[in-house]
Amino acid sequence: IALVYTLNNPQRVSRLVLTGSSGLFEDSMGGSFPKRGNYAYVK
């Protein structure tokens, strides 16, 4: 979100700090997640 905000509002952002950012690649929880009702899996 910070990256897209900066691209959309270049005059507003003076510096950018990214940590573990998505935007290029992520091994997301989305593929097999969320699995409902399975507390051990969520943990």
Full PDB file with SEQRES, HELIX, SHEET, SSBOND, CRYST1, ORIGX, SCALE, CONECT and MASTER records, all heavy atoms in Angstrom:
SEQRES   1 A   43  ILE ALA LEU VAL TYR THR LEU ASN ASN PRO GLN ARG VAL          
SEQRES   2 A   43  SER ARG LEU VAL LEU THR GLY SER SER GLY LEU PHE GLU          
SEQRES   3 A   43  ASP SER MET GLY GLY SER PHE PRO LYS ARG GLY ASN TYR          
SEQRES   4 A   43  ALA TYR VAL LYS                                              
HELIX    1 AA1 ALA A    2  ASN A    8  1                                   7    
HELIX    2 AA2 TYR A   39  VAL A   42  1                                   4    
CRYST1    1.000    1.000    1.000  90.00  90.00  90.00 P 1           1          
ORIGX1      1.000000  0.000000  0.000000        0.00000                         
ORIGX2      0.000000  1.000000  0.000000        0.00000                         
ORIGX3      0.000000  0.000000  1.000000        0.00000                         
SCALE1      1.000000  0.000000  0.000000        0.00000                         
SCALE2      0.000000  1.000000  0.000000        0.00000                         
SCALE3      0.000000  0.000000  1.000000        0.00000                         
ATOM      1  N   ILE A   1       0.843  -1.203   0.000  1.00  0.00           N  
ATOM      2  CA  ILE A   1       0.000   0.000   0.000  1.00  0.00           C  
ATOM      3  C   ILE A   1       0.874   1.247   0.000  1.00  0.00           C  
ATOM      4  O   ILE A   1       0.598   2.229  -0.712  1.00  0.00           O  
ATOM      5  CB  ILE A   1      -0.945  -0.010   1.221  1.00  0.00           C  
ATOM      6  CG1 ILE A   1      -1.903  -1.201   1.132  1.00  0.00           C  
ATOM      7  CG2 ILE A   1      -1.738   1.292   1.317  1.00  0.00           C  
ATOM      8  CD1 ILE A   1      -2.608  -1.520   2.438  1.00  0.00           C  
ATOM      9  N   ALA A   2       1.953   1.220   0.776  1.00  0.00           N  
ATOM     10  CA  ALA A   2       2.877   2.366   0.830  1.00  0.00           C  
ATOM     11  C   ALA A   2       3.478   2.643  -0.544  1.00  0.00           C  
ATOM     12  O   ALA A   2       3.616   3.812  -0.954  1.00  0.00           O  
ATOM     13  CB  ALA A   2       3.974   2.093   1.854  1.00  0.00           C  
ATOM     14  N   LEU A   3       3.848   1.590  -1.257  1.00  0.00           N  
ATOM     15  CA  LEU A   3       4.433   1.758  -2.588  1.00  0.00           C  
ATOM     16  C   LEU A   3       3.433   2.380  -3.560  1.00  0.00           C  
ATOM     17  O   LEU A   3       3.767   3.321  -4.293  1.00  0.00           O  
ATOM     18  CB  LEU A   3       4.905   0.403  -3.117  1.00  0.00           C  
ATOM     19  CG  LEU A   3       6.184  -0.157  -2.486  1.00  0.00           C  
ATOM     20  CD1 LEU A   3       6.310  -1.648  -2.758  1.00  0.00           C  
ATOM     21  CD2 LEU A   3       7.407   0.596  -3.005  1.00  0.00           C  
ATOM     22  N   VAL A   4       2.206   1.861  -3.579  1.00  0.00           N  
ATOM     23  CA  VAL A   4       1.202   2.396  -4.507  1.00  0.00           C  
ATOM     24  C   VAL A   4       0.824   3.826  -4.103  1.00  0.00           C  
ATOM     25  O   VAL A   4       0.645   4.701  -4.962  1.00  0.00           O  
ATOM     26  CB  VAL A   4      -0.042   1.487  -4.571  1.00  0.00           C  
ATOM     27  CG1 VAL A   4      -1.092   2.071  -5.514  1.00  0.00           C  
ATOM     28  CG2 VAL A   4       0.340   0.082  -5.027  1.00  0.00           C  
ATOM     29  N   TYR A   5       0.717   4.078  -2.782  1.00  0.00           N  
ATOM     30  CA  TYR A   5       0.442   5.432  -2.319  1.00  0.00           C  
ATOM     31  C   TYR A   5       1.536   6.382  -2.817  1.00  0.00           C  
ATOM     32  O   TYR A   5       1.249   7.496  -3.284  1.00  0.00           O  
ATOM     33  CB  TYR A   5       0.364   5.479  -0.791  1.00  0.00           C  
ATOM     34  CG  TYR A   5       0.077   6.873  -0.276  1.00  0.00           C  
ATOM     35  CD1 TYR A   5      -1.225   7.338  -0.136  1.00  0.00           C  
ATOM     36  CD2 TYR A   5       1.128   7.750   0.029  1.00  0.00           C  
ATOM     37  CE1 TYR A   5      -1.482   8.630   0.300  1.00  0.00           C  
ATOM     38  CE2 TYR A   5       0.887   9.036   0.461  1.00  0.00           C  
ATOM     39  CZ  TYR A   5      -0.424   9.478   0.598  1.00  0.00           C  
ATOM     40  OH  TYR A   5      -0.666  10.768   1.011  1.00  0.00           O  
ATOM     41  N   THR A   6       2.802   5.966  -2.734  1.00  0.00           N  
ATOM     42  CA  THR A   6       3.923   6.798  -3.184  1.00  0.00           C  
ATOM     43  C   THR A   6       3.860   7.037  -4.688  1.00  0.00           C  
ATOM     44  O   THR A   6       4.100   8.159  -5.161  1.00  0.00           O  
ATOM     45  CB  THR A   6       5.261   6.131  -2.802  1.00  0.00           C  
ATOM     46  OG1 THR A   6       5.282   5.903  -1.389  1.00  0.00           O  
ATOM     47  CG2 THR A   6       6.443   6.996  -3.187  1.00  0.00           C  
ATOM     48  N   LEU A   7       3.534   6.003  -5.443  1.00  0.00           N  
ATOM     49  CA  LEU A   7       3.402   6.154  -6.894  1.00  0.00           C  
ATOM     50  C   LEU A   7       2.272   7.126  -7.252  1.00  0.00           C  
ATOM     51  O   LEU A   7       2.400   7.924  -8.188  1.00  0.00           O  
ATOM     52  CB  LEU A   7       3.144   4.785  -7.550  1.00  0.00           C  
ATOM     53  CG  LEU A   7       4.349   3.837  -7.594  1.00  0.00           C  
ATOM     54  CD1 LEU A   7       3.906   2.406  -7.862  1.00  0.00           C  
ATOM     55  CD2 LEU A   7       5.350   4.301  -8.654  1.00  0.00           C  
ATOM     56  N   ASN A   8       1.179   7.072  -6.493  1.00  0.00           N  
ATOM     57  CA  ASN A   8       0.025   7.941  -6.757  1.00  0.00           C  
ATOM     58  C   ASN A   8       0.218   9.358  -6.232  1.00  0.00           C  
ATOM     59  O   ASN A   8      -0.407  10.299  -6.738  1.00  0.00           O  
ATOM     60  CB  ASN A   8      -1.244   7.366  -6.106  1.00  0.00           C  
ATOM     61  CG  ASN A   8      -1.730   6.102  -6.785  1.00  0.00           C  
ATOM     62  OD1 ASN A   8      -1.144   5.661  -7.773  1.00  0.00           O  
ATOM     63  ND2 ASN A   8      -2.788   5.506  -6.254  1.00  0.00           N  
ATOM     64  N   ASN A   9       1.041   9.500  -5.191  1.00  0.00           N  
ATOM     65  CA  ASN A   9       1.199  10.798  -4.518  1.00  0.00           C  
ATOM     66  C   ASN A   9       2.680  11.115  -4.309  1.00  0.00           C  
ATOM     67  O   ASN A   9       3.134  11.279  -3.169  1.00  0.00           O  
ATOM     68  CB  ASN A   9       0.481  10.769  -3.161  1.00  0.00           C  
ATOM     69  CG  ASN A   9      -0.981  10.395  -3.264  1.00  0.00           C  
ATOM     70  OD1 ASN A   9      -1.832  11.241  -3.487  1.00  0.00           O  
ATOM     71  ND2 ASN A   9      -1.279   9.111  -3.108  1.00  0.00           N  
ATOM     72  N   PRO A  10       3.452  11.197  -5.391  1.00  0.00           N  
ATOM     73  CA  PRO A  10       4.907  11.348  -5.239  1.00  0.00           C  
ATOM     74  C   PRO A  10       5.315  12.603  -4.477  1.00  0.00           C  
ATOM     75  O   PRO A  10       6.354  12.613  -3.820  1.00  0.00           O  
ATOM     76  CB  PRO A  10       5.408  11.379  -6.693  1.00  0.00           C  
ATOM     77  CG  PRO A  10       4.222  11.736  -7.524  1.00  0.00           C  
ATOM     78  CD  PRO A  10       3.040  11.169  -6.804  1.00  0.00           C  
ATOM     79  N   GLN A  11       4.474  13.631  -4.534  1.00  0.00           N  
ATOM     80  CA  GLN A  11       4.817  14.879  -3.852  1.00  0.00           C  
ATOM     81  C   GLN A  11       4.616  14.791  -2.347  1.00  0.00           C  
ATOM     82  O   GLN A  11       5.147  15.618  -1.597  1.00  0.00           O  
ATOM     83  CB  GLN A  11       3.986  16.046  -4.431  1.00  0.00           C  
ATOM     84  CG  GLN A  11       2.520  16.080  -4.007  1.00  0.00           C  
ATOM     85  CD  GLN A  11       1.632  14.993  -4.617  1.00  0.00           C  
ATOM     86  OE1 GLN A  11       2.072  14.218  -5.472  1.00  0.00           O  
ATOM     87  NE2 GLN A  11       0.384  14.940  -4.175  1.00  0.00           N  
ATOM     88  N   ARG A  12       3.890  13.781  -1.868  1.00  0.00           N  
ATOM     89  CA  ARG A  12       3.588  13.685  -0.436  1.00  0.00           C  
ATOM     90  C   ARG A  12       4.623  12.871   0.341  1.00  0.00           C  
ATOM     91  O   ARG A  12       4.768  13.027   1.551  1.00  0.00           O  
ATOM     92  CB  ARG A  12       2.209  13.021  -0.210  1.00  0.00           C  
ATOM     93  CG  ARG A  12       1.004  13.716  -0.799  1.00  0.00           C  
ATOM     94  CD  ARG A  12       0.823  15.135  -0.305  1.00  0.00           C  
ATOM     95  NE  ARG A  12       0.672  15.295   1.125  1.00  0.00           N  
ATOM     96  CZ  ARG A  12      -0.495  15.434   1.770  1.00  0.00           C  
ATOM     97  NH1 ARG A  12      -1.615  15.382   1.092  1.00  0.00           N  
ATOM     98  NH2 ARG A  12      -0.530  15.634   3.074  1.00  0.00           N  
ATOM     99  N   VAL A  13       5.303  11.963  -0.323  1.00  0.00           N  
ATOM    100  CA  VAL A  13       6.190  11.010   0.366  1.00  0.00           C  
ATOM    101  C   VAL A  13       7.648  11.450   0.207  1.00  0.00           C  
ATOM    102  O   VAL A  13       8.155  11.549  -0.910  1.00  0.00           O  
ATOM    103  CB  VAL A  13       5.993   9.579  -0.181  1.00  0.00           C  
ATOM    104  CG1 VAL A  13       6.925   8.604   0.525  1.00  0.00           C  
ATOM    105  CG2 VAL A  13       4.535   9.148  -0.007  1.00  0.00           C  
ATOM    106  N   SER A  14       8.296  11.712   1.337  1.00  0.00           N  
ATOM    107  CA  SER A  14       9.697  12.144   1.295  1.00  0.00           C  
ATOM    108  C   SER A  14      10.668  10.974   1.442  1.00  0.00           C  
ATOM    109  O   SER A  14      11.786  11.013   0.943  1.00  0.00           O  
ATOM    110  CB  SER A  14       9.967  13.171   2.391  1.00  0.00           C  
ATOM    111  OG  SER A  14       9.650  12.635   3.668  1.00  0.00           O  
ATOM    112  N   ARG A  15      10.232   9.940   2.154  1.00  0.00           N  
ATOM    113  CA  ARG A  15      11.065   8.752   2.371  1.00  0.00           C  
ATOM    114  C   ARG A  15      10.149   7.551   2.520  1.00  0.00           C  
ATOM    115  O   ARG A  15       8.995   7.680   2.932  1.00  0.00           O  
ATOM    116  CB  ARG A  15      11.918   8.902   3.634  1.00  0.00           C  
ATOM    117  CG  ARG A  15      12.982   9.962   3.546  1.00  0.00           C  
ATOM    118  CD  ARG A  15      13.716  10.162   4.856  1.00  0.00           C  
ATOM    119  NE  ARG A  15      12.868  10.718   5.909  1.00  0.00           N  
ATOM    120  CZ  ARG A  15      13.346  11.290   7.012  1.00  0.00           C  
ATOM    121  NH1 ARG A  15      14.641  11.365   7.214  1.00  0.00           N  
ATOM    122  NH2 ARG A  15      12.524  11.774   7.921  1.00  0.00           N  
ATOM    123  N   LEU A  16      10.702   6.382   2.228  1.00  0.00           N  
ATOM    124  CA  LEU A  16       9.924   5.152   2.231  1.00  0.00           C  
ATOM    125  C   LEU A  16      10.694   4.080   2.993  1.00  0.00           C  
ATOM    126  O   LEU A  16      11.906   3.928   2.803  1.00  0.00           O  
ATOM    127  CB  LEU A  16       9.705   4.716   0.781  1.00  0.00           C  
ATOM    128  CG  LEU A  16       8.716   3.625   0.430  1.00  0.00           C  
ATOM    129  CD1 LEU A  16       7.314   3.947   0.924  1.00  0.00           C  
ATOM    130  CD2 LEU A  16       8.705   3.434  -1.093  1.00  0.00           C  
ATOM    131  N   VAL A  17      10.001   3.354   3.871  1.00  0.00           N  
ATOM    132  CA  VAL A  17      10.614   2.246   4.603  1.00  0.00           C  
ATOM    133  C   VAL A  17       9.750   1.006   4.393  1.00  0.00           C  
ATOM    134  O   VAL A  17       8.547   1.028   4.698  1.00  0.00           O  
ATOM    135  CB  VAL A  17      10.750   2.551   6.111  1.00  0.00           C  
ATOM    136  CG1 VAL A  17      11.394   1.377   6.841  1.00  0.00           C  
ATOM    137  CG2 VAL A  17      11.558   3.833   6.327  1.00  0.00           C  
ATOM    138  N   LEU A  18      10.341  -0.057   3.869  1.00  0.00           N  
ATOM    139  CA  LEU A  18       9.613  -1.300   3.602  1.00  0.00           C  
ATOM    140  C   LEU A  18      10.224  -2.424   4.406  1.00  0.00           C  
ATOM    141  O   LEU A  18      11.453  -2.552   4.480  1.00  0.00           O  
ATOM    142  CB  LEU A  18       9.684  -1.656   2.114  1.00  0.00           C  
ATOM    143  CG  LEU A  18       9.212  -0.604   1.109  1.00  0.00           C  
ATOM    144  CD1 LEU A  18       9.472  -1.091  -0.307  1.00  0.00           C  
ATOM    145  CD2 LEU A  18       7.734  -0.291   1.310  1.00  0.00           C  
ATOM    146  N   THR A  19       9.378  -3.251   4.988  1.00  0.00           N  
ATOM    147  CA  THR A  19       9.864  -4.407   5.727  1.00  0.00           C  
ATOM    148  C   THR A  19       8.937  -5.586   5.431  1.00  0.00           C  
ATOM    149  O   THR A  19       7.722  -5.516   5.649  1.00  0.00           O  
ATOM    150  CB  THR A  19       9.980  -4.094   7.238  1.00  0.00           C  
ATOM    151  OG1 THR A  19      10.470  -5.226   7.925  1.00  0.00           O  
ATOM    152  CG2 THR A  19       8.685  -3.620   7.852  1.00  0.00           C  
ATOM    153  N   GLY A  20       9.496  -6.635   4.833  1.00  0.00           N  
ATOM    154  CA  GLY A  20       8.677  -7.782   4.444  1.00  0.00           C  
ATOM    155  C   GLY A  20       7.551  -7.401   3.506  1.00  0.00           C  
ATOM    156  O   GLY A  20       6.451  -7.945   3.592  1.00  0.00           O  
ATOM    157  N   SER A  21       7.810  -6.483   2.580  1.00  0.00           N  
ATOM    158  CA  SER A  21       6.739  -5.927   1.746  1.00  0.00           C  
ATOM    159  C   SER A  21       6.308  -6.889   0.640  1.00  0.00           C  
ATOM    160  O   SER A  21       7.131  -7.558   0.022  1.00  0.00           O  
ATOM    161  CB  SER A  21       7.209  -4.613   1.126  1.00  0.00           C  
ATOM    162  OG  SER A  21       6.223  -4.087   0.265  1.00  0.00           O  
ATOM    163  N   SER A  22       5.010  -6.903   0.371  1.00  0.00           N  
ATOM    164  CA  SER A  22       4.520  -7.529  -0.856  1.00  0.00           C  
ATOM    165  C   SER A  22       4.600  -6.476  -1.967  1.00  0.00           C  
ATOM    166  O   SER A  22       5.010  -5.346  -1.734  1.00  0.00           O  
ATOM    167  CB  SER A  22       3.096  -8.056  -0.676  1.00  0.00           C  
ATOM    168  OG  SER A  22       2.194  -7.017  -0.359  1.00  0.00           O  
ATOM    169  N   GLY A  23       4.233  -6.857  -3.165  1.00  0.00           N  
ATOM    170  CA  GLY A  23       4.321  -5.952  -4.300  1.00  0.00           C  
ATOM    171  C   GLY A  23       5.117  -6.540  -5.450  1.00  0.00           C  
ATOM    172  O   GLY A  23       4.932  -6.178  -6.604  1.00  0.00           O  
ATOM    173  N   LEU A  24       6.003  -7.479  -5.122  1.00  0.00           N  
ATOM    174  CA  LEU A  24       6.736  -8.216  -6.149  1.00  0.00           C  
ATOM    175  C   LEU A  24       6.409  -9.700  -6.086  1.00  0.00           C  
ATOM    176  O   LEU A  24       6.160 -10.338  -7.090  1.00  0.00           O  
ATOM    177  CB  LEU A  24       8.253  -8.015  -5.980  1.00  0.00           C  
ATOM    178  CG  LEU A  24       8.796  -6.620  -6.275  1.00  0.00           C  
ATOM    179  CD1 LEU A  24      10.289  -6.563  -5.992  1.00  0.00           C  
ATOM    180  CD2 LEU A  24       8.522  -6.227  -7.726  1.00  0.00           C  
ATOM    181  N   PHE A  25       6.451 -10.237  -4.876  1.00  0.00           N  
ATOM    182  CA  PHE A  25       6.186 -11.670  -4.679  1.00  0.00           C  
ATOM    183  C   PHE A  25       5.880 -11.898  -3.207  1.00  0.00           C  
ATOM    184  O   PHE A  25       6.440 -11.233  -2.337  1.00  0.00           O  
ATOM    185  CB  PHE A  25       7.414 -12.508  -5.046  1.00  0.00           C  
ATOM    186  CG  PHE A  25       7.325 -13.939  -4.559  1.00  0.00           C  
ATOM    187  CD1 PHE A  25       6.658 -14.892  -5.299  1.00  0.00           C  
ATOM    188  CD2 PHE A  25       7.888 -14.316  -3.349  1.00  0.00           C  
ATOM    189  CE1 PHE A  25       6.559 -16.204  -4.846  1.00  0.00           C  
ATOM    190  CE2 PHE A  25       7.792 -15.626  -2.882  1.00  0.00           C  
ATOM    191  CZ  PHE A  25       7.126 -16.568  -3.643  1.00  0.00           C  
ATOM    192  N   GLU A  26       4.980 -12.824  -2.943  1.00  0.00           N  
ATOM    193  CA  GLU A  26       4.836 -13.302  -1.572  1.00  0.00           C  
ATOM    194  C   GLU A  26       4.290 -14.717  -1.595  1.00  0.00           C  
ATOM    195  O   GLU A  26       3.457 -15.057  -2.422  1.00  0.00           O  
ATOM    196  CB  GLU A  26       3.922 -12.390  -0.734  1.00  0.00           C  
ATOM    197  CG  GLU A  26       2.502 -12.298  -1.236  1.00  0.00           C  
ATOM    198  CD  GLU A  26       1.594 -11.559  -0.276  1.00  0.00           C  
ATOM    199  OE1 GLU A  26       1.860 -11.542   0.918  1.00  0.00           O  
ATOM    200  OE2 GLU A  26       0.585 -11.010  -0.752  1.00  0.00           O  
ATOM    201  N   ASP A  27       4.791 -15.547  -0.696  1.00  0.00           N  
ATOM    202  CA  ASP A  27       4.231 -16.875  -0.476  1.00  0.00           C  
ATOM    203  C   ASP A  27       3.093 -16.674   0.508  1.00  0.00           C  
ATOM    204  O   ASP A  27       3.258 -16.788   1.707  1.00  0.00           O  
ATOM    205  CB  ASP A  27       5.295 -17.818   0.090  1.00  0.00           C  
ATOM    206  CG  ASP A  27       4.725 -19.192   0.378  1.00  0.00           C  
ATOM    207  OD1 ASP A  27       3.618 -19.484  -0.112  1.00  0.00           O  
ATOM    208  OD2 ASP A  27       5.370 -19.961   1.094  1.00  0.00           O  
ATOM    209  N   SER A  28       1.942 -16.322  -0.032  1.00  0.00           N  
ATOM    210  CA  SER A  28       0.849 -15.830   0.798  1.00  0.00           C  
ATOM    211  C   SER A  28       0.111 -16.949   1.507  1.00  0.00           C  
ATOM    212  O   SER A  28       0.134 -18.090   1.088  1.00  0.00           O  
ATOM    213  CB  SER A  28      -0.118 -15.054  -0.096  1.00  0.00           C  
ATOM    214  OG  SER A  28      -1.422 -15.135   0.342  1.00  0.00           O  
ATOM    215  N   MET A  29      -0.573 -16.582   2.582  1.00  0.00           N  
ATOM    216  CA  MET A  29      -1.474 -17.524   3.240  1.00  0.00           C  
ATOM    217  C   MET A  29      -2.662 -17.844   2.335  1.00  0.00           C  
ATOM    218  O   MET A  29      -3.415 -18.757   2.587  1.00  0.00           O  
ATOM    219  CB  MET A  29      -1.997 -16.932   4.542  1.00  0.00           C  
ATOM    220  CG  MET A  29      -0.949 -16.823   5.640  1.00  0.00           C  
ATOM    221  SD  MET A  29      -1.703 -16.113   7.113  1.00  0.00           S  
ATOM    222  CE  MET A  29      -0.438 -16.396   8.336  1.00  0.00           C  
ATOM    223  N   GLY A  30      -2.849 -17.059   1.280  1.00  0.00           N  
ATOM    224  CA  GLY A  30      -4.058 -17.157   0.478  1.00  0.00           C  
ATOM    225  C   GLY A  30      -4.285 -18.508  -0.167  1.00  0.00           C  
ATOM    226  O   GLY A  30      -5.409 -18.910  -0.382  1.00  0.00           O  
ATOM    227  N   GLY A  31      -3.209 -19.252  -0.515  1.00  0.00           N  
ATOM    228  CA  GLY A  31      -3.374 -20.504  -1.232  1.00  0.00           C  
ATOM    229  C   GLY A  31      -4.142 -21.548  -0.452  1.00  0.00           C  
ATOM    230  O   GLY A  31      -5.096 -22.133  -0.933  1.00  0.00           O  
ATOM    231  N   SER A  32      -3.730 -21.793   0.777  1.00  0.00           N  
ATOM    232  CA  SER A  32      -4.364 -22.844   1.571  1.00  0.00           C  
ATOM    233  C   SER A  32      -4.962 -22.276   2.862  1.00  0.00           C  
ATOM    234  O   SER A  32      -5.172 -22.985   3.810  1.00  0.00           O  
ATOM    235  CB  SER A  32      -3.331 -23.910   1.923  1.00  0.00           C  
ATOM    236  OG  SER A  32      -2.251 -23.321   2.610  1.00  0.00           O  
ATOM    237  N   PHE A  33      -5.203 -21.016   2.872  1.00  0.00           N  
ATOM    238  CA  PHE A  33      -5.586 -20.327   4.115  1.00  0.00           C  
ATOM    239  C   PHE A  33      -6.695 -19.357   3.769  1.00  0.00           C  
ATOM    240  O   PHE A  33      -6.680 -18.789   2.700  1.00  0.00           O  
ATOM    241  CB  PHE A  33      -4.366 -19.550   4.645  1.00  0.00           C  
ATOM    242  CG  PHE A  33      -4.557 -18.972   6.007  1.00  0.00           C  
ATOM    243  CD1 PHE A  33      -4.192 -19.685   7.136  1.00  0.00           C  
ATOM    244  CD2 PHE A  33      -5.092 -17.717   6.159  1.00  0.00           C  
ATOM    245  CE1 PHE A  33      -4.354 -19.152   8.397  1.00  0.00           C  
ATOM    246  CE2 PHE A  33      -5.270 -17.180   7.422  1.00  0.00           C  
ATOM    247  CZ  PHE A  33      -4.887 -17.906   8.535  1.00  0.00           C  
ATOM    248  N   PRO A  34      -7.661 -19.145   4.594  1.00  0.00           N  
ATOM    249  CA  PRO A  34      -7.836 -19.690   5.924  1.00  0.00           C  
ATOM    250  C   PRO A  34      -8.542 -21.051   5.899  1.00  0.00           C  
ATOM    251  O   PRO A  34      -9.388 -21.286   5.068  1.00  0.00           O  
ATOM    252  CB  PRO A  34      -8.706 -18.665   6.637  1.00  0.00           C  
ATOM    253  CG  PRO A  34      -8.992 -17.567   5.637  1.00  0.00           C  
ATOM    254  CD  PRO A  34      -8.580 -18.057   4.290  1.00  0.00           C  
ATOM    255  N   LYS A  35      -8.176 -21.909   6.830  1.00  0.00           N  
ATOM    256  CA  LYS A  35      -8.818 -23.204   7.006  1.00  0.00           C  
ATOM    257  C   LYS A  35      -9.688 -23.093   8.249  1.00  0.00           C  
ATOM    258  O   LYS A  35      -9.194 -22.970   9.364  1.00  0.00           O  
ATOM    259  CB  LYS A  35      -7.764 -24.310   7.171  1.00  0.00           C  
ATOM    260  CG  LYS A  35      -8.333 -25.712   7.135  1.00  0.00           C  
ATOM    261  CD  LYS A  35      -7.226 -26.741   7.350  1.00  0.00           C  
ATOM    262  CE  LYS A  35      -6.610 -27.178   6.041  1.00  0.00           C  
ATOM    263  NZ  LYS A  35      -5.673 -28.312   6.241  1.00  0.00           N  
ATOM    264  N   ARG A  36     -10.968 -23.103   8.058  1.00  0.00           N  
ATOM    265  CA  ARG A  36     -11.892 -22.760   9.145  1.00  0.00           C  
ATOM    266  C   ARG A  36     -11.953 -23.847  10.212  1.00  0.00           C  
ATOM    267  O   ARG A  36     -11.922 -25.023   9.910  1.00  0.00           O  
ATOM    268  CB  ARG A  36     -13.289 -22.518   8.584  1.00  0.00           C  
ATOM    269  CG  ARG A  36     -13.357 -21.329   7.634  1.00  0.00           C  
ATOM    270  CD  ARG A  36     -14.769 -20.988   7.273  1.00  0.00           C  
ATOM    271  NE  ARG A  36     -15.509 -20.550   8.432  1.00  0.00           N  
ATOM    272  CZ  ARG A  36     -16.831 -20.377   8.452  1.00  0.00           C  
ATOM    273  NH1 ARG A  36     -17.529 -20.627   7.374  1.00  0.00           N  
ATOM    274  NH2 ARG A  36     -17.440 -19.966   9.543  1.00  0.00           N  
ATOM    275  N   GLY A  37     -12.036 -23.399  11.447  1.00  0.00           N  
ATOM    276  CA  GLY A  37     -12.305 -24.304  12.550  1.00  0.00           C  
ATOM    277  C   GLY A  37     -11.128 -25.149  13.004  1.00  0.00           C  
ATOM    278  O   GLY A  37     -11.298 -25.988  13.879  1.00  0.00           O  
ATOM    279  N   ASN A  38      -9.949 -24.954  12.413  1.00  0.00           N  
ATOM    280  CA  ASN A  38      -8.785 -25.766  12.765  1.00  0.00           C  
ATOM    281  C   ASN A  38      -7.773 -24.881  13.489  1.00  0.00           C  
ATOM    282  O   ASN A  38      -6.929 -24.234  12.877  1.00  0.00           O  
ATOM    283  CB  ASN A  38      -8.181 -26.380  11.492  1.00  0.00           C  
ATOM    284  CG  ASN A  38      -7.082 -27.384  11.804  1.00  0.00           C  
ATOM    285  OD1 ASN A  38      -6.403 -27.281  12.824  1.00  0.00           O  
ATOM    286  ND2 ASN A  38      -6.908 -28.345  10.915  1.00  0.00           N  
ATOM    287  N   TYR A  39      -7.861 -24.865  14.816  1.00  0.00           N  
ATOM    288  CA  TYR A  39      -7.039 -23.959  15.621  1.00  0.00           C  
ATOM    289  C   TYR A  39      -5.554 -24.283  15.486  1.00  0.00           C  
ATOM    290  O   TYR A  39      -4.719 -23.371  15.361  1.00  0.00           O  
ATOM    291  CB  TYR A  39      -7.464 -24.027  17.094  1.00  0.00           C  
ATOM    292  CG  TYR A  39      -6.804 -22.979  17.962  1.00  0.00           C  
ATOM    293  CD1 TYR A  39      -7.378 -21.722  18.096  1.00  0.00           C  
ATOM    294  CD2 TYR A  39      -5.622 -23.244  18.646  1.00  0.00           C  
ATOM    295  CE1 TYR A  39      -6.791 -20.744  18.883  1.00  0.00           C  
ATOM    296  CE2 TYR A  39      -5.012 -22.271  19.434  1.00  0.00           C  
ATOM    297  CZ  TYR A  39      -5.613 -21.032  19.556  1.00  0.00           C  
ATOM    298  OH  TYR A  39      -5.012 -20.057  20.325  1.00  0.00           O  
ATOM    299  N   ALA A  40      -5.223 -25.566  15.479  1.00  0.00           N  
ATOM    300  CA  ALA A  40      -3.813 -25.961  15.385  1.00  0.00           C  
ATOM    301  C   ALA A  40      -3.207 -25.490  14.069  1.00  0.00           C  
ATOM    302  O   ALA A  40      -2.057 -25.033  14.024  1.00  0.00           O  
ATOM    303  CB  ALA A  40      -3.687 -27.482  15.501  1.00  0.00           C  
ATOM    304  N   TYR A  41      -3.987 -25.574  12.991  1.00  0.00           N  
ATOM    305  CA  TYR A  41      -3.498 -25.131  11.685  1.00  0.00           C  
ATOM    306  C   TYR A  41      -3.273 -23.621  11.671  1.00  0.00           C  
ATOM    307  O   TYR A  41      -2.241 -23.132  11.189  1.00  0.00           O  
ATOM    308  CB  TYR A  41      -4.508 -25.519  10.599  1.00  0.00           C  
ATOM    309  CG  TYR A  41      -4.098 -25.087   9.213  1.00  0.00           C  
ATOM    310  CD1 TYR A  41      -3.161 -25.812   8.483  1.00  0.00           C  
ATOM    311  CD2 TYR A  41      -4.633 -23.935   8.633  1.00  0.00           C  
ATOM    312  CE1 TYR A  41      -2.772 -25.419   7.205  1.00  0.00           C  
ATOM    313  CE2 TYR A  41      -4.251 -23.532   7.372  1.00  0.00           C  
ATOM    314  CZ  TYR A  41      -3.320 -24.278   6.670  1.00  0.00           C  
ATOM    315  OH  TYR A  41      -2.934 -23.875   5.416  1.00  0.00           O  
ATOM    316  N   VAL A  42      -4.223 -22.879  12.221  1.00  0.00           N  
ATOM    317  CA  VAL A  42      -4.091 -21.421  12.280  1.00  0.00           C  
ATOM    318  C   VAL A  42      -2.865 -21.042  13.106  1.00  0.00           C  
ATOM    319  O   VAL A  42      -2.082 -20.162  12.730  1.00  0.00           O  
ATOM    320  CB  VAL A  42      -5.373 -20.777  12.851  1.00  0.00           C  
ATOM    321  CG1 VAL A  42      -5.160 -19.297  13.145  1.00  0.00           C  
ATOM    322  CG2 VAL A  42      -6.535 -20.963  11.882  1.00  0.00           C  
ATOM    323  N   LYS A  43      -2.678 -21.723  14.223  1.00  0.00           N  
ATOM    324  CA  LYS A  43      -1.519 -21.440  15.082  1.00  0.00           C  
ATOM    325  C   LYS A  43      -0.220 -21.679  14.317  1.00  0.00           C  
ATOM    326  O   LYS A  43       0.736 -20.873  14.398  1.00  0.00           O  
ATOM    327  CB  LYS A  43      -1.567 -22.325  16.334  1.00  0.00           C  
ATOM    328  CG  LYS A  43      -0.439 -22.050  17.318  1.00  0.00           C  
ATOM    329  CD  LYS A  43      -0.587 -22.869  18.594  1.00  0.00           C  
ATOM    330  CE  LYS A  43       0.540 -22.534  19.569  1.00  0.00           C  
ATOM    331  NZ  LYS A  43       0.421 -23.295  20.824  1.00  0.00           N  
TER     332      LYS A  43                                                      
MASTER        0    0    0    2    0    0    0    6  331    1    0    4          
END                                                                             
